[in-house]
PDB file of N, CA and C in Angstrom:
ATOM      1  N   MET A   1      -2.926 -13.889 -28.417  1.00  0.00           N
ATOM      2  CA  MET A   1      -1.884 -14.801 -28.513  1.00  0.00           C
ATOM      3  C   MET A   1      -2.381 -15.899 -27.681  1.00  0.00           C
ATOM      4  N   THR A   2      -1.835 -17.128 -28.395  1.00  0.00           N
ATOM      5  CA  THR A   2      -2.526 -18.511 -27.789  1.00  0.00           C
ATOM      6  C   THR A   2      -2.532 -18.767 -26.084  1.00  0.00           C
ATOM      7  N   ASP A   3      -2.832 -19.621 -26.545  1.00  0.00           N
ATOM      8  CA  ASP A   3      -2.194 -20.233 -25.231  1.00  0.00           C
ATOM      9  C   ASP A   3      -1.055 -20.810 -24.926  1.00  0.00           C
ATOM     10  N   GLY A   4      -0.484 -20.758 -26.169  1.00  0.00           N
ATOM     11  CA  GLY A   4       0.953 -22.736 -26.247  1.00  0.00           C
ATOM     12  C   GLY A   4       2.388 -21.033 -26.577  1.00  0.00           C
ATOM     13  N   GLY A   5       2.273 -20.395 -27.040  1.00  0.00           N
ATOM     14  CA  GLY A   5       2.828 -18.458 -27.185  1.00  0.00           C
ATOM     15  C   GLY A   5       2.933 -17.662 -26.043  1.00  0.00           C
ATOM     16  N   MET A   6       1.595 -18.166 -24.861  1.00  0.00           N
ATOM     17  CA  MET A   6       2.303 -17.291 -24.125  1.00  0.00           C
ATOM     18  C   MET A   6       3.155 -18.414 -22.766  1.00  0.00           C
ATOM     19  N   GLU A   7       2.601 -19.444 -23.084  1.00  0.00           N
ATOM     20  CA  GLU A   7       3.617 -19.898 -22.318  1.00  0.00           C
ATOM     21  C   GLU A   7       5.035 -19.817 -22.297  1.00  0.00           C
ATOM     22  N   GLU A   8       5.197 -19.836 -23.636  1.00  0.00           N
ATOM     23  CA  GLU A   8       6.711 -19.996 -24.528  1.00  0.00           C
ATOM     24  C   GLU A   8       6.847 -18.720 -23.348  1.00  0.00           C
ATOM     25  N   ASP A   9       6.942 -17.792 -23.704  1.00  0.00           N
ATOM     26  CA  ASP A   9       7.135 -16.307 -23.603  1.00  0.00           C
ATOM     27  C   ASP A   9       7.340 -16.443 -22.002  1.00  0.00           C
ATOM     28  N   ARG A  10       6.293 -16.745 -21.416  1.00  0.00           N
ATOM     29  CA  ARG A  10       6.427 -17.247 -19.822  1.00  0.00           C
ATOM     30  C   ARG A  10       7.799 -17.601 -19.131  1.00  0.00           C
ATOM     31  N   ARG A  11       7.909 -19.159 -20.205  1.00  0.00           N
ATOM     32  CA  ARG A  11       9.098 -20.067 -20.134  1.00  0.00           C
ATOM     33  C   ARG A  11      10.285 -18.815 -20.480  1.00  0.00           C
ATOM     34  N   ARG A  12      10.243 -18.123 -20.928  1.00  0.00           N
ATOM     35  CA  ARG A  12      11.072 -17.368 -21.934  1.00  0.00           C
ATOM     36  C   ARG A  12      11.684 -15.899 -20.953  1.00  0.00           C
ATOM     37  N   LYS A  13      11.106 -16.017 -20.542  1.00  0.00           N
ATOM     38  CA  LYS A  13      11.079 -15.062 -19.202  1.00  0.00           C
ATOM     39  C   LYS A  13      11.652 -15.364 -17.808  1.00  0.00           C
ATOM     40  N   THR A  14      11.187 -16.522 -17.719  1.00  0.00           N
ATOM     41  CA  THR A  14      12.097 -17.183 -16.301  1.00  0.00           C
ATOM     42  C   THR A  14      13.867 -17.802 -16.928  1.00  0.00           C
ATOM     43  N   GLU A  15      13.909 -18.176 -17.424  1.00  0.00           N
ATOM     44  CA  GLU A  15      15.360 -18.081 -18.613  1.00  0.00           C
ATOM     45  C   GLU A  15      16.011 -17.070 -17.669  1.00  0.00           C
ATOM     46  N   ASP A  16      15.768 -15.053 -18.603  1.00  0.00           N
ATOM     47  CA  ASP A  16      16.168 -14.508 -19.033  1.00  0.00           C
ATOM     48  C   ASP A  16      16.079 -13.798 -17.461  1.00  0.00           C
ATOM     49  N   ARG A  17      15.134 -13.947 -16.683  1.00  0.00           N
ATOM     50  CA  ARG A  17      15.735 -13.772 -15.153  1.00  0.00           C
ATOM     51  C   ARG A  17      16.141 -14.585 -14.158  1.00  0.00           C
ATOM     52  N   ARG A  18      16.301 -16.202 -14.313  1.00  0.00           N
ATOM     53  CA  ARG A  18      17.330 -16.860 -13.780  1.00  0.00           C
ATOM     54  C   ARG A  18      18.735 -16.418 -14.723  1.00  0.00           C
ATOM     55  N   GLN A  19      18.508 -15.886 -16.059  1.00  0.00           N
ATOM     56  CA  GLN A  19      20.845 -15.558 -16.353  1.00  0.00           C
ATOM     57  C   GLN A  19      20.474 -14.507 -15.910  1.00  0.00           C
ATOM     58  N   ARG A  20      19.621 -13.287 -15.113  1.00  0.00           N
ATOM     59  CA  ARG A  20      20.778 -11.669 -15.003  1.00  0.00           C
ATOM     60  C   ARG A  20      19.932 -12.730 -13.793  1.00  0.00           C
ATOM     61  N   LYS A  21      20.023 -13.202 -13.210  1.00  0.00           N
ATOM     62  CA  LYS A  21      20.383 -13.085 -10.958  1.00  0.00           C
ATOM     63  C   LYS A  21      21.290 -14.606 -11.249  1.00  0.00           C
ATOM     64  N   GLY A  22      22.735 -14.947 -12.194  1.00  0.00           N
ATOM     65  CA  GLY A  22      23.256 -15.702 -12.031  1.00  0.00           C
ATOM     66  C   GLY A  22      23.530 -16.728 -12.119  1.00  0.00           C
ATOM     67  N   GLY A  23      21.667 -17.719 -12.338  1.00  0.00           N
ATOM     68  CA  GLY A  23      21.272 -18.599 -11.714  1.00  0.00           C
ATOM     69  C   GLY A  23      21.538 -19.373 -13.249  1.00  0.00           C
ATOM     70  N   ARG A  24      21.634 -21.200 -12.151  1.00  0.00           N
ATOM     71  CA  ARG A  24      21.900 -21.793 -14.070  1.00  0.00           C
ATOM     72  C   ARG A  24      19.930 -21.990 -14.825  1.00  0.00           C
ATOM     73  N   LYS A  25      20.314 -22.900 -15.566  1.00  0.00           N
ATOM     74  CA  LYS A  25      19.078 -23.064 -16.510  1.00  0.00           C
ATOM     75  C   LYS A  25      18.750 -24.566 -15.089  1.00  0.00           C
ATOM     76  N   ARG A  26      17.811 -25.310 -14.850  1.00  0.00           N
ATOM     77  CA  ARG A  26      17.297 -25.705 -13.923  1.00  0.00           C
ATOM     78  C   ARG A  26      17.015 -27.359 -14.866  1.00  0.00           C
ATOM     79  N   PHE A  27      17.345 -28.599 -14.609  1.00  0.00           N
ATOM     80  CA  PHE A  27      16.968 -29.753 -15.177  1.00  0.00           C
ATOM     81  C   PHE A  27      17.233 -30.197 -14.531  1.00  0.00           C
ATOM     82  N   PRO A  28      16.212 -31.371 -14.175  1.00  0.00           N
ATOM     83  CA  PRO A  28      15.549 -31.603 -13.924  1.00  0.00           C
ATOM     84  C   PRO A  28      16.177 -33.331 -12.966  1.00  0.00           C
ATOM     85  N   SER A  29      16.920 -33.220 -11.900  1.00  0.00           N
ATOM     86  CA  SER A  29      17.926 -34.254 -11.542  1.00  0.00           C
ATOM     87  C   SER A  29      17.546 -36.238 -11.423  1.00  0.00           C
ATOM     88  N   VAL A  30      18.997 -36.473 -11.995  1.00  0.00           N
ATOM     89  CA  VAL A  30      18.527 -38.023 -12.204  1.00  0.00           C
ATOM     90  C   VAL A  30      19.945 -38.535 -10.717  1.00  0.00           C
ATOM     91  N   HIS A  31      19.300 -39.429 -10.135  1.00  0.00           N
ATOM     92  CA  HIS A  31      19.312 -40.073  -9.088  1.00  0.00           C
ATOM     93  C   HIS A  31      20.387 -41.096 -10.292  1.00  0.00           C
ATOM     94  N   SER A  32      21.924 -41.457  -9.235  1.00  0.00           N
ATOM     95  CA  SER A  32      22.778 -42.939  -9.244  1.00  0.00           C
ATOM     96  C   SER A  32      21.821 -43.650  -8.295  1.00  0.00           C
ATOM     97  N   PRO A  33      21.991 -45.322  -8.886  1.00  0.00           N
ATOM     98  CA  PRO A  33      21.730 -46.480  -7.954  1.00  0.00           C
ATOM     99  C   PRO A  33      22.594 -46.216  -6.851  1.00  0.00           C
ATOM    100  N   SER A  34      23.465 -45.707  -7.070  1.00  0.00           N
ATOM    101  CA  SER A  34      24.318 -45.696  -4.902  1.00  0.00           C
ATOM    102  C   SER A  34      23.269 -45.210  -5.076  1.00  0.00           C
ATOM    103  N   SER A  35      23.412 -43.113  -5.026  1.00  0.00           N
ATOM    104  CA  SER A  35      22.719 -42.586  -4.297  1.00  0.00           C
ATOM    105  C   SER A  35      21.529 -43.082  -4.352  1.00  0.00           C
ATOM    106  N   ILE A  36      20.447 -43.495  -5.502  1.00  0.00           N
ATOM    107  CA  ILE A  36      19.427 -44.521  -4.378  1.00  0.00           C
ATOM    108  C   ILE A  36      19.977 -44.960  -2.772  1.00  0.00           C
ATOM    109  N   LEU A  37      20.754 -46.709  -3.131  1.00  0.00           N
ATOM    110  CA  LEU A  37      21.070 -47.602  -2.048  1.00  0.00           C
ATOM    111  C   LEU A  37      21.494 -46.123  -0.750  1.00  0.00           C
ATOM    112  N   SER A  38      22.068 -45.217  -1.391  1.00  0.00           N
ATOM    113  CA  SER A  38      22.368 -44.811   0.496  1.00  0.00           C
ATOM    114  C   SER A  38      21.616 -44.158   0.237  1.00  0.00           C
ATOM    115  N   SER A  39      20.657 -43.482   0.191  1.00  0.00           N
ATOM    116  CA  SER A  39      19.919 -43.217   0.865  1.00  0.00           C
ATOM    117  C   SER A  39      18.606 -44.372   1.862  1.00  0.00           C
ATOM    118  N   SER A  40      18.350 -45.105   0.771  1.00  0.00           N
ATOM    119  CA  SER A  40      18.073 -46.447   1.266  1.00  0.00           C
ATOM    120  C   SER A  40      18.142 -47.163   2.766  1.00  0.00           C
ATOM    121  N   ILE A  41      20.170 -46.856   2.850  1.00  0.00           N
ATOM    122  CA  ILE A  41      20.358 -47.210   3.133  1.00  0.00           C
ATOM    123  C   ILE A  41      20.252 -46.723   5.268  1.00  0.00           C
ATOM    124  N   LEU A  42      20.564 -45.343   4.102  1.00  0.00           N
ATOM    125  CA  LEU A  42      20.984 -44.008   5.767  1.00  0.00           C
ATOM    126  C   LEU A  42      19.293 -43.853   6.311  1.00  0.00           C
ATOM    127  N   SER A  43      17.311 -43.742   5.476  1.00  0.00           N
ATOM    128  CA  SER A  43      16.504 -44.022   6.283  1.00  0.00           C
ATOM    129  C   SER A  43      16.316 -44.499   6.515  1.00  0.00           C
ATOM    130  N   SER A  44      16.836 -46.168   6.366  1.00  0.00           N
ATOM    131  CA  SER A  44      16.753 -47.436   7.424  1.00  0.00           C
ATOM    132  C   SER A  44      17.803 -46.819   8.986  1.00  0.00           C
ATOM    133  N   VAL A  45      19.159 -46.461   8.454  1.00  0.00           N
ATOM    134  CA  VAL A  45      19.746 -46.451  10.289  1.00  0.00           C
ATOM    135  C   VAL A  45      19.390 -44.826  10.948  1.00  0.00           C
ATOM    136  N   PHE A  46      18.515 -44.316  10.363  1.00  0.00           N
ATOM    137  CA  PHE A  46      17.647 -43.115  10.794  1.00  0.00           C
ATOM    138  C   PHE A  46      16.613 -43.679  11.563  1.00  0.00           C
ATOM    139  N   ARG A  47      15.602 -44.582  11.212  1.00  0.00           N
ATOM    140  CA  ARG A  47      14.169 -45.347  11.414  1.00  0.00           C
ATOM    141  C   ARG A  47      15.132 -46.414  12.362  1.00  0.00           C
ATOM    142  N   VAL A  48      16.446 -47.474  12.492  1.00  0.00           N
ATOM    143  CA  VAL A  48      16.326 -47.828  13.946  1.00  0.00           C
ATOM    144  C   VAL A  48      17.212 -47.042  14.767  1.00  0.00           C
ATOM    145  N   ALA A  49      17.939 -46.138  14.696  1.00  0.00           N
ATOM    146  CA  ALA A  49      17.938 -45.121  15.149  1.00  0.00           C
ATOM    147  C   ALA A  49      16.882 -43.985  16.191  1.00  0.00           C
ATOM    148  N   GLY A  50      15.820 -44.440  15.609  1.00  0.00           N
ATOM    149  CA  GLY A  50      14.550 -43.867  15.891  1.00  0.00           C
ATOM    150  C   GLY A  50      13.900 -44.722  17.384  1.00  0.00           C
ATOM    151  N   HIS A  51      14.173 -45.437  16.700  1.00  0.00           N
ATOM    152  CA  HIS A  51      13.601 -47.276  17.269  1.00  0.00           C
ATOM    153  C   HIS A  51      14.737 -47.018  18.957  1.00  0.00           C
ATOM    154  N   ALA A  52      15.746 -46.661  18.461  1.00  0.00           N
ATOM    155  CA  ALA A  52      16.727 -46.894  20.168  1.00  0.00           C
ATOM    156  C   ALA A  52      16.706 -45.941  20.857  1.00  0.00           C
ATOM    157  N   ARG A  53      15.758 -44.443  20.208  1.00  0.00           N
ATOM    158  CA  ARG A  53      15.939 -43.687  20.888  1.00  0.00           C
ATOM    159  C   ARG A  53      14.548 -43.817  21.628  1.00  0.00           C
ATOM    160  N   ASP A  54      13.604 -44.136  21.444  1.00  0.00           N
ATOM    161  CA  ASP A  54      11.976 -44.314  21.863  1.00  0.00           C
ATOM    162  C   ASP A  54      12.253 -45.303  23.042  1.00  0.00           C
ATOM    163  N   PHE A  55      13.272 -46.528  22.444  1.00  0.00           N
ATOM    164  CA  PHE A  55      13.546 -47.609  23.918  1.00  0.00           C
ATOM    165  C   PHE A  55      14.142 -46.957  24.821  1.00  0.00           C
ATOM    166  N   LEU A  56      15.036 -46.470  24.576  1.00  0.00           N
ATOM    167  CA  LEU A  56      15.477 -45.680  26.246  1.00  0.00           C
ATOM    168  C   LEU A  56      15.310 -44.672  26.705  1.00  0.00           C
ATOM    169  N   HIS A  57      14.196 -43.627  25.899  1.00  0.00           N
ATOM    170  CA  HIS A  57      13.846 -42.691  26.375  1.00  0.00           C
ATOM    171  C   HIS A  57      12.774 -43.594  28.026  1.00  0.00           C
ATOM    172  N   GLY A  58      11.994 -44.747  26.862  1.00  0.00           N
ATOM    173  CA  GLY A  58      11.053 -45.650  28.135  1.00  0.00           C
ATOM    174  C   GLY A  58      11.266 -46.076  28.846  1.00  0.00           C
ATOM    175  N   MET A  59      12.520 -46.611  28.788  1.00  0.00           N
ATOM    176  CA  MET A  59      13.711 -46.719  29.834  1.00  0.00           C
ATOM    177  C   MET A  59      13.740 -46.219  30.615  1.00  0.00           C
ATOM    178  N   ALA A  60      13.835 -45.344  30.620  1.00  0.00           N
ATOM    179  CA  ALA A  60      14.676 -43.675  32.110  1.00  0.00           C
ATOM    180  C   ALA A  60      13.505 -43.463  31.993  1.00  0.00           C
ATOM    181  N   VAL A  61      11.967 -43.177  31.925  1.00  0.00           N
ATOM    182  CA  VAL A  61      10.976 -42.414  31.960  1.00  0.00           C
ATOM    183  C   VAL A  61      10.395 -43.576  32.524  1.00  0.00           C
ATOM    184  N   THR A  62      10.444 -44.485  32.817  1.00  0.00           N
ATOM    185  CA  THR A  62       8.908 -45.745  33.295  1.00  0.00           C
ATOM    186  C   THR A  62       9.360 -45.503  34.834  1.00  0.00           C
ATOM    187  N   GLY A  63      10.397 -45.665  35.571  1.00  0.00           N
ATOM    188  CA  GLY A  63      10.210 -45.072  36.995  1.00  0.00           C
ATOM    189  C   GLY A  63       9.845 -44.533  37.530  1.00  0.00           C
ATOM    190  N   TYR A  64      10.268 -42.717  36.940  1.00  0.00           N
ATOM    191  CA  TYR A  64       9.294 -41.415  37.075  1.00  0.00           C
ATOM    192  C   TYR A  64       8.351 -41.665  37.266  1.00  0.00           C
ATOM    193  N   ARG A  65       7.557 -42.245  35.472  1.00  0.00           N
ATOM    194  CA  ARG A  65       6.311 -41.812  35.614  1.00  0.00           C
ATOM    195  C   ARG A  65       4.716 -43.869  36.194  1.00  0.00           C
ATOM    196  N   ARG A  66       5.894 -44.796  37.031  1.00  0.00           N
ATOM    197  CA  ARG A  66       5.447 -45.478  37.499  1.00  0.00           C
ATOM    198  C   ARG A  66       5.507 -44.302  39.257  1.00  0.00           C
ATOM    199  N   GLN A  67       6.677 -43.998  40.103  1.00  0.00           N
ATOM    200  CA  GLN A  67       6.331 -43.156  41.120  1.00  0.00           C
ATOM    201  C   GLN A  67       5.184 -41.946  40.865  1.00  0.00           C
ATOM    202  N   LEU A  68       4.963 -41.228  40.361  1.00  0.00           N
ATOM    203  CA  LEU A  68       3.908 -40.560  39.940  1.00  0.00           C
ATOM    204  C   LEU A  68       2.739 -40.876  40.147  1.00  0.00           C
ATOM    205  N   ARG A  69       2.588 -41.473  38.902  1.00  0.00           N
ATOM    206  CA  ARG A  69       1.441 -42.293  39.312  1.00  0.00           C
ATOM    207  C   ARG A  69       0.692 -43.262  40.538  1.00  0.00           C
ATOM    208  N   ALA A  70       1.761 -43.742  41.515  1.00  0.00           N
ATOM    209  CA  ALA A  70       1.381 -44.642  42.884  1.00  0.00           C
ATOM    210  C   ALA A  70       1.286 -42.884  43.676  1.00  0.00           C
ATOM    211  N   GLU A  71       2.237 -41.547  43.858  1.00  0.00           N
ATOM    212  CA  GLU A  71       1.525 -40.896  44.081  1.00  0.00           C
ATOM    213  C   GLU A  71       0.079 -40.193  44.356  1.00  0.00           C
ATOM    214  N   ALA A  72       0.205 -39.908  43.184  1.00  0.00           N
ATOM    215  CA  ALA A  72      -1.103 -39.492  42.091  1.00  0.00           C
ATOM    216  C   ALA A  72      -2.753 -40.742  42.878  1.00  0.00           C
ATOM    217  N   MET A  73      -1.923 -41.592  42.988  1.00  0.00           N
ATOM    218  CA  MET A  73      -3.746 -42.787  43.583  1.00  0.00           C
ATOM    219  C   MET A  73      -3.453 -42.036  44.828  1.00  0.00           C
ATOM    220  N   GLU A  74      -2.677 -42.141  46.109  1.00  0.00           N
ATOM    221  CA  GLU A  74      -2.673 -42.348  47.357  1.00  0.00           C
ATOM    222  C   GLU A  74      -2.840 -41.221  47.337  1.00  0.00           C
ATOM    223  N   LEU A  75      -2.618 -39.810  47.016  1.00  0.00           N
ATOM    224  CA  LEU A  75      -3.706 -38.225  46.989  1.00  0.00           C
ATOM    225  C   LEU A  75      -4.986 -38.103  46.489  1.00  0.00           C
ATOM    226  N   ASN A  76      -5.353 -39.219  45.872  1.00  0.00           N
ATOM    227  CA  ASN A  76      -6.615 -39.272  45.344  1.00  0.00           C
ATOM    228  C   ASN A  76      -7.370 -40.059  46.530  1.00  0.00           C
ATOM    229  N   ASP A  77      -6.739 -41.185  46.795  1.00  0.00           N
ATOM    230  CA  ASP A  77      -7.489 -42.350  48.367  1.00  0.00           C
ATOM    231  C   ASP A  77      -7.430 -40.880  49.389  1.00  0.00           C
ATOM    232  N   LEU A  78      -6.361 -40.154  49.372  1.00  0.00           N
ATOM    233  CA  LEU A  78      -6.835 -39.381  50.482  1.00  0.00           C
ATOM    234  C   LEU A  78      -7.986 -38.386  50.739  1.00  0.00           C
ATOM    235  N   PHE A  79      -7.903 -37.825  49.319  1.00  0.00           N
ATOM    236  CA  PHE A  79      -8.871 -37.236  49.008  1.00  0.00           C
ATOM    237  C   PHE A  79     -10.189 -37.962  49.183  1.00  0.00           C
ATOM    238  N   MET A  80     -10.464 -39.063  48.663  1.00  0.00           N
ATOM    239  CA  MET A  80     -11.545 -39.521  48.724  1.00  0.00           C
ATOM    240  C   MET A  80     -12.140 -39.980  50.646  1.00  0.00           C
ATOM    241  N   LEU A  81     -10.828 -39.960  51.483  1.00  0.00           N
ATOM    242  CA  LEU A  81     -11.121 -40.239  52.978  1.00  0.00           C
ATOM    243  C   LEU A  81     -11.994 -39.015  53.684  1.00  0.00           C
ATOM    244  N   LEU A  82     -11.064 -37.701  53.242  1.00  0.00           N
ATOM    245  CA  LEU A  82     -11.776 -36.703  53.629  1.00  0.00           C
ATOM    246  C   LEU A  82     -13.270 -36.922  52.980  1.00  0.00           C
ATOM    247  N   CYS A  83     -13.906 -36.454  51.715  1.00  0.00           N
ATOM    248  CA  CYS A  83     -15.316 -36.362  51.301  1.00  0.00           C
ATOM    249  C   CYS A  83     -15.482 -37.285  51.534  1.00  0.00           C
ATOM    250  N   PHE A  84     -15.504 -38.450  52.632  1.00  0.00           N
ATOM    251  CA  PHE A  84     -16.340 -39.246  52.662  1.00  0.00           C
ATOM    252  C   PHE A  84     -16.741 -38.805  54.260  1.00  0.00           C
ATOM    253  N   MET A  85     -15.819 -37.953  55.182  1.00  0.00           N
ATOM    254  CA  MET A  85     -15.821 -37.671  56.800  1.00  0.00           C
ATOM    255  C   MET A  85     -16.854 -36.328  56.549  1.00  0.00           C
ATOM    256  N   GLU A  86     -15.977 -35.781  55.022  1.00  0.00           N
ATOM    257  CA  GLU A  86     -17.523 -34.363  55.262  1.00  0.00           C
ATOM    258  C   GLU A  86     -18.473 -35.078  55.367  1.00  0.00           C
ATOM    259  N   THR A  87     -18.935 -36.281  54.240  1.00  0.00           N
ATOM    260  CA  THR A  87     -20.466 -36.447  54.045  1.00  0.00           C
ATOM    261  C   THR A  87     -21.167 -36.889  55.505  1.00  0.00           C
ATOM    262  N   LEU A  88     -20.247 -37.353  56.453  1.00  0.00           N
ATOM    263  CA  LEU A  88     -20.660 -38.198  57.330  1.00  0.00           C
ATOM    264  C   LEU A  88     -20.646 -37.373  57.977  1.00  0.00           C
ATOM    265  N   GLY A  89     -19.941 -36.473  58.244  1.00  0.00           N
ATOM    266  CA  GLY A  89     -19.830 -34.967  59.911  1.00  0.00           C
ATOM    267  C   GLY A  89     -18.947 -35.764  60.456  1.00  0.00           C
ATOM    268  N   LEU A  90     -18.092 -36.295  60.462  1.00  0.00           N
ATOM    269  CA  LEU A  90     -17.393 -36.454  61.325  1.00  0.00           C
ATOM    270  C   LEU A  90     -15.524 -35.058  61.447  1.00  0.00           C
ATOM    271  N   PRO A  91     -15.150 -34.837  62.449  1.00  0.00           N
ATOM    272  CA  PRO A  91     -14.074 -33.780  62.223  1.00  0.00           C
ATOM    273  C   PRO A  91     -12.769 -34.637  61.436  1.00  0.00           C
ATOM    274  N   ASN A  92     -12.272 -33.470  61.380  1.00  0.00           N
ATOM    275  CA  ASN A  92     -10.770 -33.724  60.386  1.00  0.00           C
ATOM    276  C   ASN A  92      -9.576 -34.366  61.421  1.00  0.00           C
TER     277      ASN A  92
END
């Protein structure tokens, strides 16, 4: 069998299998201009919604992160002071 014959045979078997399963032949989907327009509008709406979500998340979390950073710096200062005191041999 030639390559073209094998290809046609495989395609025929696939179509037979789809028909037995109750499936339909699949044709390439063609989008209408209105569906393309609506998909571009939807994608821009989702993009804006994502930016708004990121903005609101930043507004809600900024104060908390600032407080954690200040506490971490305070603990680091205390640790450095204790290390320096140990180095000098001063009692706690």
